[in-house]
């Protein structure tokens, strides 16, 4: 395998995107390795909300494959539902206090 610097200045012919579905270190090729592909986006199907997946990729030029990228850890999530209306608590001459009744599915994780 050639160092990444050997890819510089040479045409990238393909890439290999790989995903570890259960964080076991067992990466599966999802695109690129078996055919020439230069798409800069890829939709991974059959993932589950709340699960974490590890992703990495590498590029290929006429001399061979680069080393792998650093691993990214991705959490599958969905957009939150429409929030409930704020609940009025109290008011003074300078302040209004309301409670927010958030409607969210955070699966027990801290809301950031």
Protein backbone atom coordinates (compact mmCIF):
# COMPACT_ATOMS: atom_id res chain seq x y z
CA UNK A 1 0.00 0.00 0.00
CA UNK A 2 1.32 3.40 -0.95
CA UNK A 3 1.46 6.38 1.42
CA UNK A 4 -1.30 8.98 0.97
CA UNK A 5 1.23 11.45 -0.44
CA UNK A 6 1.57 9.28 -3.58
CA UNK A 7 -2.11 10.03 -4.39
CA UNK A 8 -1.42 13.77 -4.52
CA UNK A 9 -1.51 15.08 -8.08
CA UNK A 10 -2.75 11.79 -9.56
CA UNK A 11 -6.30 11.15 -10.72
CA UNK A 12 -8.42 9.30 -8.19
CA UNK A 13 -10.03 6.43 -10.06
CA UNK A 14 -12.32 5.08 -7.37
CA UNK A 15 -12.85 4.86 -3.64
CA UNK A 16 -14.02 2.26 -1.17
CA UNK A 17 -16.60 3.29 1.43
CA UNK A 18 -16.87 0.82 4.32
CA UNK A 19 -19.23 0.60 7.29
CA UNK A 20 -19.03 -1.32 10.54
CA UNK A 21 -22.68 -1.96 11.43
CA UNK A 22 -22.11 -3.24 14.97
CA UNK A 23 -18.84 -1.51 16.02
CA UNK A 24 -17.08 -4.89 16.08
CA UNK A 25 -14.25 -3.77 13.78
CA UNK A 26 -15.71 -5.85 10.95
CA UNK A 27 -16.12 -3.29 8.15
CA UNK A 28 -18.27 -4.12 5.10
CA UNK A 29 -17.67 -2.53 1.69
CA UNK A 30 -20.80 -0.63 0.64
CA UNK A 31 -19.55 1.03 -2.54
CA UNK A 32 -16.56 1.68 -4.73
CA UNK A 33 -14.26 -1.29 -4.39
CA UNK A 34 -15.90 -3.54 -6.96
CA UNK A 35 -16.55 -0.85 -9.58
CA UNK A 36 -15.27 2.59 -10.48
CA UNK A 37 -17.29 5.15 -8.57
CA UNK A 38 -16.61 8.78 -7.87
CA UNK A 39 -19.96 9.87 -6.45
CA UNK A 40 -19.39 12.20 -3.49
CA UNK A 41 -22.50 11.01 -1.66
CA UNK A 42 -23.96 7.62 -0.90
CA UNK A 43 -27.18 6.56 0.85
CA UNK A 44 -26.73 3.70 3.29
CA UNK A 45 -29.94 1.76 3.81
CA UNK A 46 -31.04 -0.66 6.55
CA UNK A 47 -29.81 1.41 9.48
CA UNK A 48 -31.73 1.84 12.72
CA UNK A 49 -32.60 5.03 14.59
CA UNK A 50 -30.44 5.51 17.66
CA UNK A 51 -27.70 3.10 16.56
CA UNK A 52 -24.10 4.17 16.03
CA UNK A 53 -22.16 3.10 12.94
CA UNK A 54 -18.46 3.43 12.10
CA UNK A 55 -17.44 4.59 8.59
CA UNK A 56 -14.15 4.85 6.76
CA UNK A 57 -12.96 5.14 3.18
CA UNK A 58 -9.89 5.03 1.01
CA UNK A 59 -9.05 6.20 -2.51
CA UNK A 60 -7.49 4.40 -5.48
CA UNK A 61 -5.30 5.81 -8.23
CA UNK A 62 -3.24 4.11 -10.93
CA UNK A 63 -0.71 2.90 -8.32
CA UNK A 64 -3.15 1.32 -5.91
CA UNK A 65 -5.08 2.07 -2.72
CA UNK A 66 -4.38 4.77 -0.14
CA UNK A 67 -4.44 4.12 3.59
CA UNK A 68 -7.86 4.36 5.24
CA UNK A 69 -9.29 7.66 6.45
CA UNK A 70 -9.78 8.17 10.18
CA UNK A 71 -12.96 6.44 11.35
CA UNK A 72 -16.11 8.55 11.75
CA UNK A 73 -18.82 7.45 14.18
CA UNK A 74 -22.33 8.32 13.02
CA UNK A 75 -25.55 8.17 15.04
CA UNK A 76 -28.70 7.64 13.02
CA UNK A 77 -31.35 10.16 14.03
CA UNK A 78 -34.46 11.84 12.71
CA UNK A 79 -35.62 15.43 12.81
CA UNK A 80 -37.55 16.18 15.99
CA UNK A 81 -41.33 16.44 15.87
CA UNK A 82 -43.00 19.84 16.04
CA UNK A 83 -42.59 21.20 19.57
CA UNK A 84 -45.60 21.66 21.81
CA UNK A 85 -46.71 25.20 22.54
CA UNK A 86 -44.93 27.00 25.42
CA UNK A 87 -46.79 27.01 28.75
CA UNK A 88 -47.21 30.39 30.44
CA UNK A 89 -46.04 30.35 34.07
CA UNK A 90 -45.84 33.94 35.28
CA UNK A 91 -45.11 37.55 34.33
CA UNK A 92 -43.70 40.66 35.98
CA UNK A 93 -43.03 44.17 34.64
CA UNK A 94 -39.70 42.97 33.17
CA UNK A 95 -39.89 39.18 32.76
CA UNK A 96 -42.12 36.48 31.33
CA UNK A 97 -41.56 32.89 32.42
CA UNK A 98 -42.64 30.00 30.20
CA UNK A 99 -42.05 26.25 30.39
CA UNK A 100 -41.14 24.34 27.28
CA UNK A 101 -42.78 20.97 26.95
CA UNK A 102 -40.34 19.42 24.50
CA UNK A 103 -41.65 16.59 22.39
CA UNK A 104 -38.51 14.64 21.58
CA UNK A 105 -37.21 11.13 21.37
CA UNK A 106 -33.68 11.22 22.78
CA UNK A 107 -33.51 7.53 23.78
CA UNK A 108 -32.21 8.42 27.24
CA UNK A 109 -29.28 10.48 25.96
CA UNK A 110 -28.60 14.01 27.09
CA UNK A 111 -30.27 16.64 24.90
CA UNK A 112 -27.63 18.97 23.51
